[in-house]
Amino acid sequence: MNNSTTVKDIPATLFISSYADFLKRGGQVELPSWLSIVKTGIHRKNTPHNPDWFFFRLASLARKFYINKEKGVGSLTKSYGKKKKKRIKA
C-alpha cells in the first residue's frame, strides 16, 4: 500500500508557510522592483506589513493551482479579490 502524502493531506497554513520559507531561502524567485509600493488589492488601503508577503502569496497560489487543476486564473478573484468600498462623503 502506498502511504504518500500530498498537498491535500497537509493543513493549508502549514503548507503555505513552509513553502513560502522554501521559496525565500531557495533564491530562485526574482522579486519585482515595484514590490514595496504595491497593494494586494483594490480594497486595501496600505501595502502589506509582512515583508515576505510575496512569498506567501506565491505559495498560496501554488497550492490553489495544485488542488484546482481545472480552474484558471479568473477563478482566483473569488479568493483574492474584493470590491472597493464606496464611501459617501457627508
N, C-alpha and C. Protein backbone atom coordinates (compact mmCIF):
# COMPACT_ATOMS: atom_id res chain seq x y z
N MET A 1 0.84 -1.18 0.00
CA MET A 1 0.00 0.00 0.00
C MET A 1 0.88 1.24 0.00
N ASN A 2 0.49 2.24 -0.79
CA ASN A 2 1.27 3.46 -0.93
C ASN A 2 0.79 4.50 0.07
N ASN A 3 1.64 4.92 1.00
CA ASN A 3 1.29 5.88 2.03
C ASN A 3 1.94 7.24 1.75
N SER A 4 1.78 7.75 0.55
CA SER A 4 2.39 9.04 0.22
C SER A 4 1.51 10.18 0.71
N THR A 5 2.14 11.29 1.00
CA THR A 5 1.45 12.48 1.47
C THR A 5 1.40 13.49 0.35
N THR A 6 0.23 14.07 0.12
CA THR A 6 0.09 15.09 -0.92
C THR A 6 -0.23 16.42 -0.27
N VAL A 7 -0.34 17.44 -1.09
CA VAL A 7 -0.65 18.79 -0.60
C VAL A 7 -2.01 18.81 0.07
N LYS A 8 -2.93 18.00 -0.42
CA LYS A 8 -4.28 17.97 0.15
C LYS A 8 -4.30 17.39 1.56
N ASP A 9 -3.30 16.61 1.93
CA ASP A 9 -3.24 16.00 3.26
C ASP A 9 -2.66 16.93 4.32
N ILE A 10 -1.98 17.98 3.90
CA ILE A 10 -1.31 18.90 4.82
C ILE A 10 -2.21 20.11 5.05
N PRO A 11 -2.36 20.59 6.29
CA PRO A 11 -3.15 21.81 6.53
C PRO A 11 -2.61 22.98 5.72
N ALA A 12 -3.52 23.81 5.22
CA ALA A 12 -3.15 24.90 4.32
C ALA A 12 -2.12 25.84 4.94
N THR A 13 -2.33 26.23 6.18
CA THR A 13 -1.41 27.19 6.81
C THR A 13 -0.01 26.62 6.96
N LEU A 14 0.08 25.34 7.28
CA LEU A 14 1.39 24.70 7.41
C LEU A 14 2.11 24.62 6.07
N PHE A 15 1.37 24.20 5.04
CA PHE A 15 2.00 24.10 3.71
C PHE A 15 2.44 25.46 3.20
N ILE A 16 1.57 26.45 3.32
CA ILE A 16 1.87 27.77 2.77
C ILE A 16 3.07 28.40 3.47
N SER A 17 3.12 28.31 4.78
CA SER A 17 4.27 28.89 5.50
C SER A 17 5.56 28.14 5.21
N SER A 18 5.49 26.83 5.10
CA SER A 18 6.69 26.04 4.80
C SER A 18 7.18 26.29 3.38
N TYR A 19 6.25 26.32 2.44
CA TYR A 19 6.64 26.52 1.04
C TYR A 19 7.13 27.96 0.81
N ALA A 20 6.53 28.93 1.50
CA ALA A 20 6.99 30.31 1.39
C ALA A 20 8.43 30.43 1.92
N ASP A 21 8.72 29.76 3.01
CA ASP A 21 10.08 29.76 3.55
C ASP A 21 11.05 29.10 2.58
N PHE A 22 10.61 28.01 1.95
CA PHE A 22 11.43 27.31 0.95
C PHE A 22 11.72 28.23 -0.24
N LEU A 23 10.71 28.94 -0.71
CA LEU A 23 10.89 29.85 -1.85
C LEU A 23 11.84 30.99 -1.49
N LYS A 24 11.72 31.49 -0.27
CA LYS A 24 12.57 32.60 0.16
C LYS A 24 14.03 32.17 0.27
N ARG A 25 14.26 31.01 0.86
CA ARG A 25 15.64 30.54 1.04
C ARG A 25 16.25 30.01 -0.24
N GLY A 26 15.43 29.58 -1.20
CA GLY A 26 15.94 28.99 -2.44
C GLY A 26 16.63 29.97 -3.36
N GLY A 27 16.21 31.23 -3.33
CA GLY A 27 16.84 32.23 -4.18
C GLY A 27 16.47 32.12 -5.65
N GLN A 28 15.48 31.32 -5.98
CA GLN A 28 15.07 31.14 -7.38
C GLN A 28 14.06 32.19 -7.83
N VAL A 29 13.41 32.86 -6.88
CA VAL A 29 12.37 33.83 -7.21
C VAL A 29 12.99 35.21 -7.31
N GLU A 30 12.76 35.86 -8.46
CA GLU A 30 13.25 37.22 -8.65
C GLU A 30 12.14 38.18 -8.24
N LEU A 31 12.41 39.00 -7.26
CA LEU A 31 11.40 39.93 -6.75
C LEU A 31 11.26 41.13 -7.68
N PRO A 32 10.03 41.53 -7.98
CA PRO A 32 9.83 42.70 -8.84
C PRO A 32 10.24 43.99 -8.14
N SER A 33 10.57 44.99 -8.93
CA SER A 33 11.03 46.26 -8.35
C SER A 33 9.90 47.03 -7.67
N TRP A 34 8.65 46.82 -8.08
CA TRP A 34 7.50 47.53 -7.54
C TRP A 34 6.95 46.90 -6.27
N LEU A 35 7.62 45.94 -5.73
CA LEU A 35 7.10 45.16 -4.60
C LEU A 35 6.84 46.00 -3.35
N SER A 36 7.63 47.01 -3.11
CA SER A 36 7.49 47.79 -1.87
C SER A 36 6.36 48.81 -1.93
N ILE A 37 5.81 49.08 -3.11
CA ILE A 37 4.77 50.11 -3.22
C ILE A 37 3.41 49.55 -3.62
N VAL A 38 3.31 48.28 -3.90
CA VAL A 38 2.06 47.70 -4.40
C VAL A 38 1.13 47.28 -3.26
N LYS A 39 -0.17 47.42 -3.51
CA LYS A 39 -1.17 46.91 -2.58
C LYS A 39 -1.58 45.53 -3.07
N THR A 40 -2.16 44.71 -2.21
CA THR A 40 -2.57 43.37 -2.62
C THR A 40 -3.96 43.36 -3.24
N GLY A 41 -4.66 44.46 -3.23
CA GLY A 41 -5.97 44.52 -3.85
C GLY A 41 -6.53 45.93 -3.83
N ILE A 42 -7.56 46.16 -4.62
CA ILE A 42 -8.17 47.48 -4.70
C ILE A 42 -8.86 47.84 -3.39
N HIS A 43 -9.26 46.84 -2.63
CA HIS A 43 -9.96 47.08 -1.38
C HIS A 43 -9.02 47.37 -0.22
N ARG A 44 -7.74 47.29 -0.43
CA ARG A 44 -6.75 47.56 0.63
C ARG A 44 -6.31 49.01 0.59
N LYS A 45 -6.00 49.54 1.77
CA LYS A 45 -5.58 50.93 1.86
C LYS A 45 -4.06 51.06 1.79
N ASN A 46 -3.34 50.14 2.43
CA ASN A 46 -1.88 50.22 2.50
C ASN A 46 -1.23 48.97 1.93
N THR A 47 0.10 49.04 1.85
CA THR A 47 0.87 47.87 1.44
C THR A 47 0.89 46.86 2.59
N PRO A 48 1.19 45.59 2.32
CA PRO A 48 1.23 44.59 3.39
C PRO A 48 2.31 44.89 4.43
N HIS A 49 2.05 44.52 5.67
CA HIS A 49 3.01 44.76 6.76
C HIS A 49 4.12 43.72 6.77
N ASN A 50 3.82 42.51 6.34
CA ASN A 50 4.81 41.44 6.34
C ASN A 50 5.76 41.63 5.14
N PRO A 51 7.06 41.76 5.36
CA PRO A 51 7.97 41.95 4.23
C PRO A 51 8.08 40.73 3.32
N ASP A 52 7.67 39.57 3.80
CA ASP A 52 7.73 38.34 3.00
C ASP A 52 6.38 37.98 2.38
N TRP A 53 5.48 38.94 2.27
CA TRP A 53 4.13 38.65 1.80
C TRP A 53 4.13 38.07 0.39
N PHE A 54 5.07 38.46 -0.44
CA PHE A 54 5.11 37.98 -1.82
C PHE A 54 5.34 36.47 -1.87
N PHE A 55 6.20 35.97 -0.99
CA PHE A 55 6.47 34.53 -0.95
C PHE A 55 5.25 33.76 -0.45
N PHE A 56 4.53 34.34 0.51
CA PHE A 56 3.31 33.70 1.00
C PHE A 56 2.24 33.67 -0.09
N ARG A 57 2.15 34.74 -0.88
CA ARG A 57 1.17 34.76 -1.96
C ARG A 57 1.53 33.73 -3.04
N LEU A 58 2.81 33.61 -3.36
CA LEU A 58 3.23 32.60 -4.33
C LEU A 58 2.93 31.19 -3.85
N ALA A 59 3.18 30.94 -2.57
CA ALA A 59 2.91 29.62 -2.01
C ALA A 59 1.42 29.33 -2.00
N SER A 60 0.62 30.33 -1.69
CA SER A 60 -0.83 30.17 -1.69
C SER A 60 -1.35 29.89 -3.09
N LEU A 61 -0.82 30.60 -4.08
CA LEU A 61 -1.21 30.37 -5.47
C LEU A 61 -0.81 28.97 -5.93
N ALA A 62 0.38 28.54 -5.57
CA ALA A 62 0.83 27.20 -5.95
C ALA A 62 -0.09 26.13 -5.37
N ARG A 63 -0.51 26.30 -4.13
CA ARG A 63 -1.42 25.34 -3.51
C ARG A 63 -2.78 25.34 -4.21
N LYS A 64 -3.30 26.52 -4.51
CA LYS A 64 -4.60 26.60 -5.18
C LYS A 64 -4.55 25.98 -6.57
N PHE A 65 -3.47 26.22 -7.31
CA PHE A 65 -3.35 25.62 -8.64
C PHE A 65 -3.19 24.11 -8.56
N TYR A 66 -2.52 23.61 -7.55
CA TYR A 66 -2.35 22.17 -7.39
C TYR A 66 -3.69 21.49 -7.07
N ILE A 67 -4.46 22.11 -6.18
CA ILE A 67 -5.72 21.50 -5.76
C ILE A 67 -6.78 21.63 -6.85
N ASN A 68 -6.86 22.79 -7.49
CA ASN A 68 -7.87 23.04 -8.53
C ASN A 68 -7.20 23.10 -9.90
N LYS A 69 -6.81 21.97 -10.41
CA LYS A 69 -6.08 21.92 -11.68
C LYS A 69 -6.90 22.40 -12.87
N GLU A 70 -8.21 22.25 -12.83
CA GLU A 70 -9.05 22.61 -13.96
C GLU A 70 -9.37 24.10 -14.02
N LYS A 71 -9.28 24.78 -12.91
CA LYS A 71 -9.67 26.18 -12.85
C LYS A 71 -8.55 27.08 -13.36
N GLY A 72 -8.96 28.23 -13.90
CA GLY A 72 -7.99 29.17 -14.43
C GLY A 72 -7.71 30.32 -13.49
N VAL A 73 -7.02 31.30 -14.01
CA VAL A 73 -6.61 32.45 -13.22
C VAL A 73 -7.82 33.29 -12.82
N GLY A 74 -8.84 33.34 -13.66
CA GLY A 74 -10.02 34.13 -13.36
C GLY A 74 -10.75 33.68 -12.11
N SER A 75 -10.66 32.41 -11.78
CA SER A 75 -11.34 31.90 -10.58
C SER A 75 -10.66 32.35 -9.29
N LEU A 76 -9.45 32.86 -9.40
CA LEU A 76 -8.73 33.33 -8.21
C LEU A 76 -9.30 34.63 -7.66
N THR A 77 -10.07 35.35 -8.45
CA THR A 77 -10.65 36.60 -7.96
C THR A 77 -11.61 36.36 -6.81
N LYS A 78 -12.19 35.18 -6.76
CA LYS A 78 -13.08 34.85 -5.64
C LYS A 78 -12.30 34.72 -4.33
N SER A 79 -11.07 34.25 -4.41
CA SER A 79 -10.26 34.06 -3.22
C SER A 79 -9.49 35.32 -2.82
N TYR A 80 -8.98 36.04 -3.80
CA TYR A 80 -8.08 37.15 -3.51
C TYR A 80 -8.67 38.53 -3.77
N GLY A 81 -9.72 38.61 -4.55
CA GLY A 81 -10.27 39.91 -4.92
C GLY A 81 -11.52 40.27 -4.15
N LYS A 82 -11.73 41.54 -3.97
CA LYS A 82 -12.93 42.06 -3.32
C LYS A 82 -13.28 43.38 -3.98
N LYS A 83 -14.49 43.85 -3.71
CA LYS A 83 -14.91 45.12 -4.26
C LYS A 83 -14.38 46.26 -3.40
N LYS A 84 -14.13 47.36 -4.06
CA LYS A 84 -13.70 48.55 -3.35
C LYS A 84 -14.88 49.14 -2.60
N LYS A 85 -14.66 49.52 -1.36
CA LYS A 85 -15.72 50.12 -0.56
C LYS A 85 -15.96 51.55 -1.03
N LYS A 86 -17.19 51.82 -1.39
CA LYS A 86 -17.54 53.18 -1.81
C LYS A 86 -18.13 53.91 -0.62
N ARG A 87 -17.53 54.99 -0.27
CA ARG A 87 -17.97 55.74 0.89
C ARG A 87 -18.66 57.02 0.45
N ILE A 88 -19.68 57.38 1.16
CA ILE A 88 -20.41 58.60 0.87
C ILE A 88 -19.83 59.71 1.71
N LYS A 89 -19.46 60.79 1.06
CA LYS A 89 -18.92 61.94 1.78
C LYS A 89 -20.08 62.77 2.32
N ALA A 90 -19.99 63.09 3.58
CA ALA A 90 -21.07 63.86 4.21
C ALA A 90 -20.79 65.34 4.16
